[in-house]
Amino acid sequence: MKAELELAEAGGTAPPLERLLEDLEEAFVLLSEAEDSGVVGRPPLRVVVMDDDRRLGDVTARGLRRLGYEADSTEVVRGARTGEVLVLDLGLLEGLDAVMVEEMRLREGLS
């Protein structure tokens, strides 16, 4: 989604809003399916949206809250904590090398 926005900005055109909305809808459907496949009686999952575009992260988290999820956004890249699902802007990973990713996994107990 972010790539679509950046391409539109670089080309001086309007972003493809319909495609962006479709992408968001697909993400919400997939998240719902993942949540529905869990064990009955499990604690609710918290969704953390990580995006370097704070506004876009906030909008995504707000949409998730409207769908009934407990959601928040951050610009900080970190590993998932117990009971969390991460929605990550893949562009944030570009600045991390393999050692940093492994340290993040170890720090959060995800190895």
PDB file of N, CA and C in Angstrom:
ATOM      1  N   MET A   1       0.827  -1.172   0.000  1.00  0.00           N
ATOM      2  CA  MET A   1       0.000   0.000   0.000  1.00  0.00           C
ATOM      3  C   MET A   1       0.881   1.248   0.000  1.00  0.00           C
ATOM      4  N   LYS A   2       1.903   1.219   0.848  1.00  0.00           N
ATOM      5  CA  LYS A   2       2.775   2.384   0.907  1.00  0.00           C
ATOM      6  C   LYS A   2       3.489   2.591  -0.433  1.00  0.00           C
ATOM      7  N   ALA A   3       3.853   1.486  -1.070  1.00  0.00           N
ATOM      8  CA  ALA A   3       4.523   1.593  -2.366  1.00  0.00           C
ATOM      9  C   ALA A   3       3.614   2.273  -3.380  1.00  0.00           C
ATOM     10  N   GLU A   4       2.329   1.943  -3.360  1.00  0.00           N
ATOM     11  CA  GLU A   4       1.385   2.583  -4.275  1.00  0.00           C
ATOM     12  C   GLU A   4       1.342   4.086  -4.042  1.00  0.00           C
ATOM     13  N   LEU A   5       1.330   4.483  -2.776  1.00  0.00           N
ATOM     14  CA  LEU A   5       1.300   5.915  -2.449  1.00  0.00           C
ATOM     15  C   LEU A   5       2.577   6.608  -2.906  1.00  0.00           C
ATOM     16  N   GLU A   6       3.721   5.943  -2.689  1.00  0.00           N
ATOM     17  CA  GLU A   6       4.994   6.544  -3.093  1.00  0.00           C
ATOM     18  C   GLU A   6       5.098   6.659  -4.609  1.00  0.00           C
ATOM     19  N   LEU A   7       4.624   5.632  -5.326  1.00  0.00           N
ATOM     20  CA  LEU A   7       4.654   5.691  -6.793  1.00  0.00           C
ATOM     21  C   LEU A   7       3.784   6.826  -7.316  1.00  0.00           C
ATOM     22  N   ALA A   8       2.615   6.987  -6.719  1.00  0.00           N
ATOM     23  CA  ALA A   8       1.731   8.065  -7.154  1.00  0.00           C
ATOM     24  C   ALA A   8       2.361   9.419  -6.886  1.00  0.00           C
ATOM     25  N   GLU A   9       2.985   9.562  -5.723  1.00  0.00           N
ATOM     26  CA  GLU A   9       3.628  10.828  -5.385  1.00  0.00           C
ATOM     27  C   GLU A   9       4.781  11.125  -6.332  1.00  0.00           C
ATOM     28  N   ALA A  10       5.598  10.103  -6.603  1.00  0.00           N
ATOM     29  CA  ALA A  10       6.742  10.293  -7.499  1.00  0.00           C
ATOM     30  C   ALA A  10       6.290  10.624  -8.913  1.00  0.00           C
ATOM     31  N   GLY A  11       5.169  10.037  -9.341  1.00  0.00           N
ATOM     32  CA  GLY A  11       4.670  10.279 -10.689  1.00  0.00           C
ATOM     33  C   GLY A  11       3.770  11.494 -10.805  1.00  0.00           C
ATOM     34  N   GLY A  12       3.493  12.129  -9.650  1.00  0.00           N
ATOM     35  CA  GLY A  12       2.637  13.306  -9.669  1.00  0.00           C
ATOM     36  C   GLY A  12       1.184  12.995  -9.983  1.00  0.00           C
ATOM     37  N   THR A  13       0.758  11.776  -9.674  1.00  0.00           N
ATOM     38  CA  THR A  13      -0.616  11.373  -9.940  1.00  0.00           C
ATOM     39  C   THR A  13      -1.350  11.124  -8.629  1.00  0.00           C
ATOM     40  N   ALA A  14      -2.654  10.991  -8.728  1.00  0.00           N
ATOM     41  CA  ALA A  14      -3.461  10.676  -7.546  1.00  0.00           C
ATOM     42  C   ALA A  14      -3.254   9.210  -7.183  1.00  0.00           C
ATOM     43  N   PRO A  15      -3.190   8.905  -5.890  1.00  0.00           N
ATOM     44  CA  PRO A  15      -3.027   7.503  -5.500  1.00  0.00           C
ATOM     45  C   PRO A  15      -4.261   6.693  -5.898  1.00  0.00           C
ATOM     46  N   PRO A  16      -4.068   5.410  -6.180  1.00  0.00           N
ATOM     47  CA  PRO A  16      -5.194   4.555  -6.593  1.00  0.00           C
ATOM     48  C   PRO A  16      -6.044   4.190  -5.374  1.00  0.00           C
ATOM     49  N   LEU A  17      -6.933   5.098  -4.992  1.00  0.00           N
ATOM     50  CA  LEU A  17      -7.705   4.924  -3.757  1.00  0.00           C
ATOM     51  C   LEU A  17      -8.488   3.615  -3.733  1.00  0.00           C
ATOM     52  N   GLU A  18      -9.082   3.252  -4.851  1.00  0.00           N
ATOM     53  CA  GLU A  18      -9.866   2.014  -4.879  1.00  0.00           C
ATOM     54  C   GLU A  18      -8.975   0.809  -4.565  1.00  0.00           C
ATOM     55  N   ARG A  19      -7.790   0.766  -5.149  1.00  0.00           N
ATOM     56  CA  ARG A  19      -6.873  -0.338  -4.896  1.00  0.00           C
ATOM     57  C   ARG A  19      -6.398  -0.320  -3.438  1.00  0.00           C
ATOM     58  N   LEU A  20      -6.127   0.851  -2.899  1.00  0.00           N
ATOM     59  CA  LEU A  20      -5.693   0.948  -1.506  1.00  0.00           C
ATOM     60  C   LEU A  20      -6.785   0.449  -0.567  1.00  0.00           C
ATOM     61  N   LEU A  21      -8.019   0.826  -0.836  1.00  0.00           N
ATOM     62  CA  LEU A  21      -9.139   0.368  -0.009  1.00  0.00           C
ATOM     63  C   LEU A  21      -9.328  -1.143  -0.133  1.00  0.00           C
ATOM     64  N   GLU A  22      -9.143  -1.682  -1.332  1.00  0.00           N
ATOM     65  CA  GLU A  22      -9.237  -3.125  -1.525  1.00  0.00           C
ATOM     66  C   GLU A  22      -8.148  -3.844  -0.732  1.00  0.00           C
ATOM     67  N   ASP A  23      -6.932  -3.288  -0.742  1.00  0.00           N
ATOM     68  CA  ASP A  23      -5.832  -3.881   0.022  1.00  0.00           C
ATOM     69  C   ASP A  23      -6.141  -3.894   1.510  1.00  0.00           C
ATOM     70  N   LEU A  24      -6.678  -2.790   2.013  1.00  0.00           N
ATOM     71  CA  LEU A  24      -7.046  -2.731   3.431  1.00  0.00           C
ATOM     72  C   LEU A  24      -8.132  -3.746   3.762  1.00  0.00           C
ATOM     73  N   GLU A  25      -9.143  -3.833   2.907  1.00  0.00           N
ATOM     74  CA  GLU A  25     -10.231  -4.789   3.128  1.00  0.00           C
ATOM     75  C   GLU A  25      -9.689  -6.213   3.154  1.00  0.00           C
ATOM     76  N   GLU A  26      -8.789  -6.528   2.234  1.00  0.00           N
ATOM     77  CA  GLU A  26      -8.199  -7.870   2.200  1.00  0.00           C
ATOM     78  C   GLU A  26      -7.414  -8.148   3.481  1.00  0.00           C
ATOM     79  N   ALA A  27      -6.672  -7.155   3.939  1.00  0.00           N
ATOM     80  CA  ALA A  27      -5.914  -7.331   5.185  1.00  0.00           C
ATOM     81  C   ALA A  27      -6.849  -7.579   6.359  1.00  0.00           C
ATOM     82  N   PHE A  28      -7.963  -6.861   6.416  1.00  0.00           N
ATOM     83  CA  PHE A  28      -8.922  -7.057   7.507  1.00  0.00           C
ATOM     84  C   PHE A  28      -9.556  -8.445   7.439  1.00  0.00           C
ATOM     85  N   VAL A  29      -9.864  -8.917   6.227  1.00  0.00           N
ATOM     86  CA  VAL A  29     -10.446 -10.255   6.068  1.00  0.00           C
ATOM     87  C   VAL A  29      -9.455 -11.314   6.541  1.00  0.00           C
ATOM     88  N   LEU A  30      -8.200 -11.189   6.122  1.00  0.00           N
ATOM     89  CA  LEU A  30      -7.191 -12.156   6.535  1.00  0.00           C
ATOM     90  C   LEU A  30      -6.978 -12.138   8.045  1.00  0.00           C
ATOM     91  N   LEU A  31      -6.991 -10.964   8.630  1.00  0.00           N
ATOM     92  CA  LEU A  31      -6.836 -10.850  10.069  1.00  0.00           C
ATOM     93  C   LEU A  31      -8.024 -11.480  10.785  1.00  0.00           C
ATOM     94  N   SER A  32      -9.222 -11.278  10.270  1.00  0.00           N
ATOM     95  CA  SER A  32     -10.422 -11.893  10.853  1.00  0.00           C
ATOM     96  C   SER A  32     -10.345 -13.405  10.779  1.00  0.00           C
ATOM     97  N   GLU A  33      -9.906 -13.927   9.644  1.00  0.00           N
ATOM     98  CA  GLU A  33      -9.776 -15.374   9.485  1.00  0.00           C
ATOM     99  C   GLU A  33      -8.752 -15.939  10.466  1.00  0.00           C
ATOM    100  N   ALA A  34      -7.650 -15.238  10.630  1.00  0.00           N
ATOM    101  CA  ALA A  34      -6.628 -15.697  11.570  1.00  0.00           C
ATOM    102  C   ALA A  34      -7.165 -15.696  12.995  1.00  0.00           C
ATOM    103  N   GLU A  35      -7.892 -14.648  13.330  1.00  0.00           N
ATOM    104  CA  GLU A  35      -8.446 -14.572  14.678  1.00  0.00           C
ATOM    105  C   GLU A  35      -9.508 -15.649  14.894  1.00  0.00           C
ATOM    106  N   ASP A  36     -10.357 -15.890  13.899  1.00  0.00           N
ATOM    107  CA  ASP A  36     -11.425 -16.888  14.009  1.00  0.00           C
ATOM    108  C   ASP A  36     -10.890 -18.307  14.106  1.00  0.00           C
ATOM    109  N   SER A  37      -9.691 -18.559  13.612  1.00  0.00           N
ATOM    110  CA  SER A  37      -9.145 -19.910  13.633  1.00  0.00           C
ATOM    111  C   SER A  37      -8.513 -20.262  14.976  1.00  0.00           C
ATOM    112  N   GLY A  38      -8.499 -19.332  15.914  1.00  0.00           N
ATOM    113  CA  GLY A  38      -7.886 -19.566  17.219  1.00  0.00           C
ATOM    114  C   GLY A  38      -8.732 -20.442  18.123  1.00  0.00           C
ATOM    115  N   VAL A  39      -8.175 -20.736  19.261  1.00  0.00           N
ATOM    116  CA  VAL A  39      -8.835 -21.588  20.248  1.00  0.00           C
ATOM    117  C   VAL A  39      -9.919 -20.794  20.971  1.00  0.00           C
ATOM    118  N   VAL A  40     -11.095 -21.435  21.198  1.00  0.00           N
ATOM    119  CA  VAL A  40     -12.188 -20.790  21.924  1.00  0.00           C
ATOM    120  C   VAL A  40     -11.724 -20.512  23.347  1.00  0.00           C
ATOM    121  N   GLY A  41     -12.029 -19.345  23.841  1.00  0.00           N
ATOM    122  CA  GLY A  41     -11.672 -18.986  25.205  1.00  0.00           C
ATOM    123  C   GLY A  41     -10.284 -18.392  25.356  1.00  0.00           C
ATOM    124  N   ARG A  42      -9.575 -18.241  24.257  1.00  0.00           N
ATOM    125  CA  ARG A  42      -8.232 -17.652  24.351  1.00  0.00           C
ATOM    126  C   ARG A  42      -8.355 -16.154  24.612  1.00  0.00           C
ATOM    127  N   PRO A  43      -7.339 -15.564  25.190  1.00  0.00           N
ATOM    128  CA  PRO A  43      -7.403 -14.115  25.402  1.00  0.00           C
ATOM    129  C   PRO A  43      -7.429 -13.383  24.065  1.00  0.00           C
ATOM    130  N   PRO A  44      -8.063 -12.208  24.012  1.00  0.00           N
ATOM    131  CA  PRO A  44      -8.129 -11.463  22.749  1.00  0.00           C
ATOM    132  C   PRO A  44      -6.735 -11.034  22.291  1.00  0.00           C
ATOM    133  N   LEU A  45      -6.551 -11.013  20.983  1.00  0.00           N
ATOM    134  CA  LEU A  45      -5.281 -10.580  20.424  1.00  0.00           C
ATOM    135  C   LEU A  45      -5.250  -9.065  20.324  1.00  0.00           C
ATOM    136  N   ARG A  46      -4.090  -8.534  20.553  1.00  0.00           N
ATOM    137  CA  ARG A  46      -3.859  -7.107  20.371  1.00  0.00           C
ATOM    138  C   ARG A  46      -3.112  -6.950  19.060  1.00  0.00           C
ATOM    139  N   VAL A  47      -3.561  -6.042  18.217  1.00  0.00           N
ATOM    140  CA  VAL A  47      -2.915  -5.795  16.933  1.00  0.00           C
ATOM    141  C   VAL A  47      -2.082  -4.525  17.058  1.00  0.00           C
ATOM    142  N   VAL A  48      -0.820  -4.623  16.649  1.00  0.00           N
ATOM    143  CA  VAL A  48       0.071  -3.464  16.655  1.00  0.00           C
ATOM    144  C   VAL A  48       0.488  -3.203  15.211  1.00  0.00           C
ATOM    145  N   VAL A  49       0.113  -2.038  14.713  1.00  0.00           N
ATOM    146  CA  VAL A  49       0.451  -1.628  13.349  1.00  0.00           C
ATOM    147  C   VAL A  49       1.755  -0.844  13.417  1.00  0.00           C
ATOM    148  N   MET A  50       2.782  -1.334  12.707  1.00  0.00           N
ATOM    149  CA  MET A  50       4.080  -0.654  12.669  1.00  0.00           C
ATOM    150  C   MET A  50       4.256  -0.039  11.294  1.00  0.00           C
ATOM    151  N   ASP A  51       4.332   1.284  11.258  1.00  0.00           N
ATOM    152  CA  ASP A  51       4.478   1.989   9.989  1.00  0.00           C
ATOM    153  C   ASP A  51       5.239   3.281  10.239  1.00  0.00           C
ATOM    154  N   ASP A  52       6.212   3.592   9.376  1.00  0.00           N
ATOM    155  CA  ASP A  52       6.962   4.832   9.555  1.00  0.00           C
ATOM    156  C   ASP A  52       6.138   6.051   9.160  1.00  0.00           C
ATOM    157  N   ASP A  53       5.026   5.830   8.482  1.00  0.00           N
ATOM    158  CA  ASP A  53       4.075   6.909   8.196  1.00  0.00           C
ATOM    159  C   ASP A  53       3.040   6.885   9.324  1.00  0.00           C
ATOM    160  N   ARG A  54       3.249   7.722  10.307  1.00  0.00           N
ATOM    161  CA  ARG A  54       2.412   7.711  11.526  1.00  0.00           C
ATOM    162  C   ARG A  54       0.920   7.842  11.198  1.00  0.00           C
ATOM    163  N   ARG A  55       0.605   8.699  10.262  1.00  0.00           N
ATOM    164  CA  ARG A  55      -0.805   8.915   9.899  1.00  0.00           C
ATOM    165  C   ARG A  55      -1.423   7.648   9.321  1.00  0.00           C
ATOM    166  N   LEU A  56      -0.709   6.985   8.429  1.00  0.00           N
ATOM    167  CA  LEU A  56      -1.214   5.757   7.832  1.00  0.00           C
ATOM    168  C   LEU A  56      -1.352   4.654   8.890  1.00  0.00           C
ATOM    169  N   GLY A  57      -0.390   4.569   9.800  1.00  0.00           N
ATOM    170  CA  GLY A  57      -0.484   3.593  10.889  1.00  0.00           C
ATOM    171  C   GLY A  57      -1.689   3.854  11.772  1.00  0.00           C
ATOM    172  N   ASP A  58      -1.934   5.113  12.076  1.00  0.00           N
ATOM    173  CA  ASP A  58      -3.090   5.478  12.901  1.00  0.00           C
ATOM    174  C   ASP A  58      -4.407   5.147  12.205  1.00  0.00           C
ATOM    175  N   VAL A  59      -4.484   5.427  10.905  1.00  0.00           N
ATOM    176  CA  VAL A  59      -5.704   5.147  10.148  1.00  0.00           C
ATOM    177  C   VAL A  59      -5.961   3.638  10.116  1.00  0.00           C
ATOM    178  N   THR A  60      -4.918   2.859   9.899  1.00  0.00           N
ATOM    179  CA  THR A  60      -5.066   1.409   9.868  1.00  0.00           C
ATOM    180  C   THR A  60      -5.523   0.879  11.220  1.00  0.00           C
ATOM    181  N   ALA A  61      -4.902   1.354  12.301  1.00  0.00           N
ATOM    182  CA  ALA A  61      -5.296   0.917  13.645  1.00  0.00           C
ATOM    183  C   ALA A  61      -6.739   1.323  13.944  1.00  0.00           C
ATOM    184  N   ARG A  62      -7.128   2.518  13.532  1.00  0.00           N
ATOM    185  CA  ARG A  62      -8.503   2.967  13.754  1.00  0.00           C
ATOM    186  C   ARG A  62      -9.491   2.058  13.021  1.00  0.00           C
ATOM    187  N   GLY A  63      -9.174   1.688  11.798  1.00  0.00           N
ATOM    188  CA  GLY A  63     -10.026   0.769  11.043  1.00  0.00           C
ATOM    189  C   GLY A  63     -10.148  -0.583  11.728  1.00  0.00           C
ATOM    190  N   LEU A  64      -9.058  -1.058  12.270  1.00  0.00           N
ATOM    191  CA  LEU A  64      -9.090  -2.334  13.005  1.00  0.00           C
ATOM    192  C   LEU A  64      -9.947  -2.220  14.264  1.00  0.00           C
ATOM    193  N   ARG A  65      -9.855  -1.093  14.957  1.00  0.00           N
ATOM    194  CA  ARG A  65     -10.690  -0.900  16.149  1.00  0.00           C
ATOM    195  C   ARG A  65     -12.164  -0.867  15.779  1.00  0.00           C
ATOM    196  N   ARG A  66     -12.492  -0.256  14.656  1.00  0.00           N
ATOM    197  CA  ARG A  66     -13.893  -0.241  14.207  1.00  0.00           C
ATOM    198  C   ARG A  66     -14.407  -1.643  13.914  1.00  0.00           C
ATOM    199  N   LEU A  67     -13.490  -2.543  13.559  1.00  0.00           N
ATOM    200  CA  LEU A  67     -13.869  -3.935  13.306  1.00  0.00           C
ATOM    201  C   LEU A  67     -13.884  -4.766  14.591  1.00  0.00           C
ATOM    202  N   GLY A  68     -13.576  -4.131  15.711  1.00  0.00           N
ATOM    203  CA  GLY A  68     -13.651  -4.820  16.990  1.00  0.00           C
ATOM    204  C   GLY A  68     -12.329  -5.311  17.557  1.00  0.00           C
ATOM    205  N   TYR A  69     -11.225  -5.016  16.886  1.00  0.00           N
ATOM    206  CA  TYR A  69      -9.926  -5.434  17.392  1.00  0.00           C
ATOM    207  C   TYR A  69      -9.378  -4.408  18.374  1.00  0.00           C
ATOM    208  N   GLU A  70      -8.575  -4.872  19.295  1.00  0.00           N
ATOM    209  CA  GLU A  70      -7.810  -3.974  20.143  1.00  0.00           C
ATOM    210  C   GLU A  70      -6.557  -3.649  19.342  1.00  0.00           C
ATOM    211  N   ALA A  71      -6.416  -2.414  18.890  1.00  0.00           N
ATOM    212  CA  ALA A  71      -5.330  -2.076  17.969  1.00  0.00           C
ATOM    213  C   ALA A  71      -4.715  -0.729  18.311  1.00  0.00           C
ATOM    214  N   ASP A  72      -3.419  -0.636  18.031  1.00  0.00           N
ATOM    215  CA  ASP A  72      -2.684   0.605  18.212  1.00  0.00           C
ATOM    216  C   ASP A  72      -1.625   0.663  17.121  1.00  0.00           C
ATOM    217  N   SER A  73      -0.964   1.793  16.977  1.00  0.00           N
ATOM    218  CA  SER A  73       0.082   1.921  15.963  1.00  0.00           C
ATOM    219  C   SER A  73       1.338   2.503  16.592  1.00  0.00           C
ATOM    220  N   THR A  74       2.460   2.238  15.931  1.00  0.00           N
ATOM    221  CA  THR A  74       3.741   2.749  16.386  1.00  0.00           C
ATOM    222  C   THR A  74       4.667   2.897  15.187  1.00  0.00           C
ATOM    223  N   GLU A  75       5.657   3.743  15.333  1.00  0.00           N
ATOM    224  CA  GLU A  75       6.691   3.893  14.312  1.00  0.00           C
ATOM    225  C   GLU A  75       7.930   3.086  14.675  1.00  0.00           C
ATOM    226  N   VAL A  76       7.913   2.448  15.829  1.00  0.00           N
ATOM    227  CA  VAL A  76       9.057   1.700  16.340  1.00  0.00           C
ATOM    228  C   VAL A  76       8.952   0.237  15.925  1.00  0.00           C
ATOM    229  N   VAL A  77      10.026  -0.307  15.356  1.00  0.00           N
ATOM    230  CA  VAL A  77      10.060  -1.716  14.989  1.00  0.00           C
ATOM    231  C   VAL A  77      10.487  -2.516  16.210  1.00  0.00           C
ATOM    232  N   ARG A  78       9.682  -3.515  16.551  1.00  0.00           N
ATOM    233  CA  ARG A  78      10.007  -4.404  17.669  1.00  0.00           C
ATOM    234  C   ARG A  78       9.343  -5.734  17.416  1.00  0.00           C
ATOM    235  N   GLY A  79       9.745  -6.711  18.165  1.00  0.00           N
ATOM    236  CA  GLY A  79       9.148  -8.030  18.037  1.00  0.00           C
ATOM    237  C   GLY A  79       7.780  -8.071  18.693  1.00  0.00           C
ATOM    238  N   ALA A  80       7.024  -9.111  18.345  1.00  0.00           N
ATOM    239  CA  ALA A  80       5.699  -9.293  18.945  1.00  0.00           C
ATOM    240  C   ALA A  80       5.854  -9.732  20.393  1.00  0.00           C
ATOM    241  N   ARG A  81       4.928  -9.294  21.200  1.00  0.00           N
ATOM    242  CA  ARG A  81       4.862  -9.734  22.589  1.00  0.00           C
ATOM    243  C   ARG A  81       3.728 -10.738  22.698  1.00  0.00           C
ATOM    244  N   THR A  82       3.657 -11.441  23.786  1.00  0.00           N
ATOM    245  CA  THR A  82       2.611 -12.428  23.984  1.00  0.00           C
ATOM    246  C   THR A  82       1.239 -11.807  23.756  1.00  0.00           C
ATOM    247  N   GLY A  83       0.428 -12.472  22.933  1.00  0.00           N
ATOM    248  CA  GLY A  83      -0.925 -12.001  22.670  1.00  0.00           C
ATOM    249  C   GLY A  83      -1.023 -10.915  21.616  1.00  0.00           C
ATOM    250  N   GLU A  84       0.055 -10.634  20.902  1.00  0.00           N
ATOM    251  CA  GLU A  84       0.047  -9.587  19.886  1.00  0.00           C
ATOM    252  C   GLU A  84       0.184 -10.170  18.485  1.00  0.00           C
ATOM    253  N   VAL A  85      -0.425  -9.475  17.547  1.00  0.00           N
ATOM    254  CA  VAL A  85      -0.219  -9.717  16.124  1.00  0.00           C
ATOM    255  C   VAL A  85       0.331  -8.420  15.555  1.00  0.00           C
ATOM    256  N   LEU A  86       1.401  -8.528  14.778  1.00  0.00           N
ATOM    257  CA  LEU A  86       2.007  -7.343  14.186  1.00  0.00           C
ATOM    258  C   LEU A  86       1.565  -7.195  12.739  1.00  0.00           C
ATOM    259  N   VAL A  87       1.194  -5.980  12.374  1.00  0.00           N
ATOM    260  CA  VAL A  87       0.947  -5.604  10.990  1.00  0.00           C
ATOM    261  C   VAL A  87       2.071  -4.641  10.663  1.00  0.00           C
ATOM    262  N   LEU A  88       2.986  -5.081   9.793  1.00  0.00           N
ATOM    263  CA  LEU A  88       4.243  -4.374   9.609  1.00  0.00           C
ATOM    264  C   LEU A  88       4.393  -3.841   8.195  1.00  0.00           C
ATOM    265  N   ASP A  89       4.750  -2.562   8.104  1.00  0.00           N
ATOM    266  CA  ASP A  89       5.150  -1.962   6.836  1.00  0.00           C
ATOM    267  C   ASP A  89       6.505  -2.573   6.491  1.00  0.00           C
ATOM    268  N   LEU A  90       6.544  -3.356   5.429  1.00  0.00           N
ATOM    269  CA  LEU A  90       7.775  -4.065   5.083  1.00  0.00           C
ATOM    270  C   LEU A  90       8.936  -3.117   4.803  1.00  0.00           C
ATOM    271  N   GLY A  91       8.635  -1.881   4.436  1.00  0.00           N
ATOM    272  CA  GLY A  91       9.691  -0.909   4.208  1.00  0.00           C
ATOM    273  C   GLY A  91      10.511  -0.624   5.463  1.00  0.00           C
ATOM    274  N   LEU A  92       9.920  -0.850   6.627  1.00  0.00           N
ATOM    275  CA  LEU A  92      10.653  -0.632   7.877  1.00  0.00           C
ATOM    276  C   LEU A  92      11.779  -1.637   8.059  1.00  0.00           C
ATOM    277  N   LEU A  93      11.646  -2.807   7.480  1.00  0.00           N
ATOM    278  CA  LEU A  93      12.670  -3.838   7.624  1.00  0.00           C
ATOM    279  C   LEU A  93      13.913  -3.567   6.796  1.00  0.00           C
ATOM    280  N   GLU A  94      13.790  -2.683   5.799  1.00  0.00           N
ATOM    281  CA  GLU A  94      14.926  -2.398   4.924  1.00  0.00           C
ATOM    282  C   GLU A  94      16.135  -1.871   5.693  1.00  0.00           C
ATOM    283  N   GLY A  95      15.895  -1.148   6.765  1.00  0.00           N
ATOM    284  CA  GLY A  95      16.989  -0.579   7.540  1.00  0.00           C
ATOM    285  C   GLY A  95      17.598  -1.530   8.554  1.00  0.00           C
ATOM    286  N   LEU A  96      17.052  -2.726   8.677  1.00  0.00           N
ATOM    287  CA  LEU A  96      17.550  -3.695   9.653  1.00  0.00           C
ATOM    288  C   LEU A  96      18.406  -4.740   8.960  1.00  0.00           C
ATOM    289  N   ASP A  97      19.543  -5.056   9.551  1.00  0.00           N
ATOM    290  CA  ASP A  97      20.327  -6.158   9.009  1.00  0.00           C
ATOM    291  C   ASP A  97      19.934  -7.447   9.732  1.00  0.00           C
ATOM    292  N   ALA A  98      20.458  -8.572   9.304  1.00  0.00           N
ATOM    293  CA  ALA A  98      20.082  -9.879   9.853  1.00  0.00           C
ATOM    294  C   ALA A  98      20.379  -9.967  11.347  1.00  0.00           C
ATOM    295  N   VAL A  99      21.466  -9.362  11.795  1.00  0.00           N
ATOM    296  CA  VAL A  99      21.825  -9.401  13.212  1.00  0.00           C
ATOM    297  C   VAL A  99      20.782  -8.647  14.037  1.00  0.00           C
ATOM    298  N   MET A 100      20.354  -7.489  13.557  1.00  0.00           N
ATOM    299  CA  MET A 100      19.348  -6.710  14.283  1.00  0.00           C
ATOM    300  C   MET A 100      18.023  -7.460  14.360  1.00  0.00           C
ATOM    301  N   VAL A 101      17.633  -8.112  13.252  1.00  0.00           N
ATOM    302  CA  VAL A 101      16.382  -8.881  13.251  1.00  0.00           C
ATOM    303  C   VAL A 101      16.477 -10.018  14.261  1.00  0.00           C
ATOM    304  N   GLU A 102      17.603 -10.718  14.296  1.00  0.00           N
ATOM    305  CA  GLU A 102      17.776 -11.827  15.244  1.00  0.00           C
ATOM    306  C   GLU A 102      17.780 -11.314  16.681  1.00  0.00           C
ATOM    307  N   GLU A 103      18.425 -10.182  16.939  1.00  0.00           N
ATOM    308  CA  GLU A 103      18.412  -9.610  18.297  1.00  0.00           C
ATOM    309  C   GLU A 103      16.995  -9.251  18.705  1.00  0.00           C
ATOM    310  N   MET A 104      16.205  -8.720  17.786  1.00  0.00           N
ATOM    311  CA  MET A 104      14.825  -8.376  18.078  1.00  0.00           C
ATOM    312  C   MET A 104      14.041  -9.638  18.428  1.00  0.00           C
ATOM    313  N   ARG A 105      14.240 -10.725  17.693  1.00  0.00           N
ATOM    314  CA  ARG A 105      13.558 -11.982  17.975  1.00  0.00           C
ATOM    315  C   ARG A 105      13.968 -12.526  19.335  1.00  0.00           C
ATOM    316  N   LEU A 106      15.251 -12.494  19.646  1.00  0.00           N
ATOM    317  CA  LEU A 106      15.720 -13.019  20.934  1.00  0.00           C
ATOM    318  C   LEU A 106      15.218 -12.188  22.089  1.00  0.00           C
ATOM    319  N   ARG A 107      15.226 -10.857  21.929  1.00  0.00           N
ATOM    320  CA  ARG A 107      14.779  -9.962  22.993  1.00  0.00           C
ATOM    321  C   ARG A 107      13.306 -10.202  23.305  1.00  0.00           C
ATOM    322  N   GLU A 108      12.541 -10.510  22.286  1.00  0.00           N
ATOM    323  CA  GLU A 108      11.098 -10.694  22.482  1.00  0.00           C
ATOM    324  C   GLU A 108      10.728 -12.163  22.680  1.00  0.00           C
ATOM    325  N   GLY A 109      11.732 -13.067  22.701  1.00  0.00           N
ATOM    326  CA  GLY A 109      11.457 -14.469  22.923  1.00  0.00           C
ATOM    327  C   GLY A 109      10.799 -15.161  21.748  1.00  0.00           C
ATOM    328  N   LEU A 110      11.149 -14.759  20.516  1.00  0.00           N
ATOM    329  CA  LEU A 110      10.498 -15.323  19.331  1.00  0.00           C
ATOM    330  C   LEU A 110      11.386 -16.263  18.543  1.00  0.00           C
ATOM    331  N   SER A 111      12.556 -16.594  19.021  1.00  0.00           N
ATOM    332  CA  SER A 111      13.476 -17.415  18.220  1.00  0.00           C
ATOM    333  C   SER A 111      13.004 -18.829  18.016  1.00  0.00           C
TER     334      SER A 111
END
